[in-house]
Protein backbone atom coordinates (compact mmCIF):
# COMPACT_ATOMS: atom_id res chain seq x y z
CA MET A 1 -166.47 23.24 51.30
CA ASN A 2 -163.76 25.79 50.54
CA ILE A 3 -160.74 24.37 48.69
CA TYR A 4 -157.31 25.98 48.24
CA VAL A 5 -155.64 25.34 44.88
CA ALA A 6 -151.98 26.23 44.26
CA ASN A 7 -149.60 25.90 41.31
CA ILE A 8 -152.29 27.06 38.87
CA PRO A 9 -150.78 27.85 35.46
CA TRP A 10 -150.85 31.57 34.62
CA LYS A 11 -152.73 30.86 31.40
CA ALA A 12 -155.58 29.08 33.23
CA THR A 13 -158.97 30.78 33.51
CA GLU A 14 -161.46 30.61 36.35
CA GLU A 15 -163.88 28.87 33.98
CA GLN A 16 -161.34 26.13 33.16
CA LEU A 17 -160.64 25.61 36.85
CA LYS A 18 -164.37 25.48 37.60
CA GLN A 19 -164.95 22.89 34.86
CA LEU A 20 -162.13 20.71 36.20
CA PHE A 21 -163.64 20.63 39.70
CA ALA A 22 -167.21 20.31 38.38
CA GLU A 23 -166.31 16.80 37.23
CA HIS A 24 -166.36 15.89 40.94
CA GLY A 25 -169.48 17.76 42.06
CA GLU A 26 -171.31 21.08 42.10
CA VAL A 27 -168.97 24.08 42.13
CA THR A 28 -170.55 27.20 43.63
CA SER A 29 -167.58 29.49 42.86
CA ALA A 30 -164.09 29.49 41.39
CA LYS A 31 -161.64 32.34 42.01
CA ILE A 32 -158.05 32.76 40.81
CA ILE A 33 -156.23 35.39 42.85
CA MET A 34 -154.77 38.19 40.74
CA ASP A 35 -151.83 40.48 41.52
CA LYS A 36 -153.14 44.01 42.14
CA VAL A 37 -150.27 45.68 40.29
CA THR A 38 -149.65 43.44 37.27
CA GLN A 39 -153.19 42.01 36.98
CA ARG A 40 -151.62 38.58 36.37
CA SER A 41 -152.50 35.40 38.17
CA ARG A 42 -150.62 34.81 41.42
CA GLY A 43 -150.82 31.05 40.73
CA PHE A 44 -153.33 30.13 43.40
CA GLY A 45 -157.04 30.34 44.02
CA PHE A 46 -160.09 28.96 45.76
CA ILE A 47 -162.92 26.65 44.79
CA GLU A 48 -166.16 26.41 46.74
CA MET A 49 -168.10 23.19 46.41
CA ALA A 50 -171.68 22.69 47.60
CA ASP A 51 -171.04 19.25 49.12
CA ASP A 52 -168.24 18.35 51.57
CA THR A 53 -168.06 14.75 50.33
CA ALA A 54 -167.65 15.89 46.72
CA GLY A 55 -165.07 18.43 47.90
CA ARG A 56 -162.99 15.79 49.67
CA ASN A 57 -163.22 13.55 46.61
CA ALA A 58 -162.02 16.44 44.40
CA ILE A 59 -159.10 17.10 46.76
CA ASN A 60 -158.07 13.42 46.66
CA GLU A 61 -158.42 13.16 42.89
CA LEU A 62 -156.91 16.50 41.85
CA ASN A 63 -153.98 16.95 44.26
CA GLY A 64 -150.95 16.39 42.02
CA PHE A 65 -153.12 16.38 38.87
CA ASP A 66 -151.44 17.73 35.72
CA PHE A 67 -153.52 20.77 34.76
CA LEU A 68 -152.31 22.60 31.65
CA GLY A 69 -148.76 21.37 32.24
CA LYS A 70 -148.46 22.00 36.00
CA ASN A 71 -149.21 19.68 38.92
CA LEU A 72 -151.87 21.23 41.11
CA VAL A 73 -151.59 21.38 44.89
CA VAL A 74 -155.09 20.96 46.29
CA ASN A 75 -156.21 20.90 49.92
CA GLU A 76 -158.95 22.12 52.21
CA ALA A 77 -158.67 25.86 52.75
CA ARG A 78 -157.98 26.93 56.32
CA PRO A 79 -160.08 29.74 57.77
CA ARG A 80 -158.43 33.13 57.54
CA GLU A 81 -156.84 34.10 60.85
CA GLU A 82 -157.99 37.24 62.64
CA GLY A 83 -155.81 40.17 61.75
CA SER A 84 -154.29 38.64 58.62
CA GLY A 85 -154.61 40.08 55.19
CA GLY A 86 -153.32 43.59 55.60
CA GLY A 87 -151.95 46.19 57.90
CA SER A 88 -148.39 46.70 59.00
CA ARG A 89 -145.98 43.84 59.17
CA GLY A 90 -143.79 45.78 61.59
CA GLY A 91 -141.23 44.21 63.86
CA ASN A 92 -137.50 43.87 63.51
CA ARG A 93 -136.63 41.85 60.47
CA GLY A 94 -133.18 41.12 61.83
CA GLY A 95 -130.35 39.97 59.68
CA GLY A 96 -128.22 42.23 57.59
CA GLY A 97 -126.89 42.59 54.13
CA GLY A 98 -127.82 44.82 51.31
CA PHE A 99 -127.28 48.56 51.16
CA ARG A 100 -128.84 51.14 53.40
CA ARG A 101 -129.19 54.84 52.78
CA GLY A 102 -125.75 56.41 52.88
CA ASP A 103 -123.82 53.15 52.35
CA PHE A 104 -123.02 54.07 48.76
CA ASN A 105 -120.75 56.92 49.93
CA LYS A 106 -118.50 54.70 52.04
CA ASP A 107 -115.12 53.43 50.90
CA TYR A 108 -114.94 49.64 51.19
């Protein structure tokens, strides 16, 4: 079972997260997602557990659990949608506001 974990404290390690979930069953992997630029935690990650029943038990027990001073958000990970995870975001963003190139020369 693949489990999504959010609100992970920045100081937490993958090993600490793995140990927390291992109290509920066999953990096959633990991954905290890191920012590519800053190399700091993005505050979320994924746990893979060998057994679905143990995974559901971990979700029930650890959702809202205080882990290193922050309440975790834990639920079953949804499969990644086709086409997500990169590429152009494109489209018209709509709205307005902010400055555009050349605006700084205008008298307001």
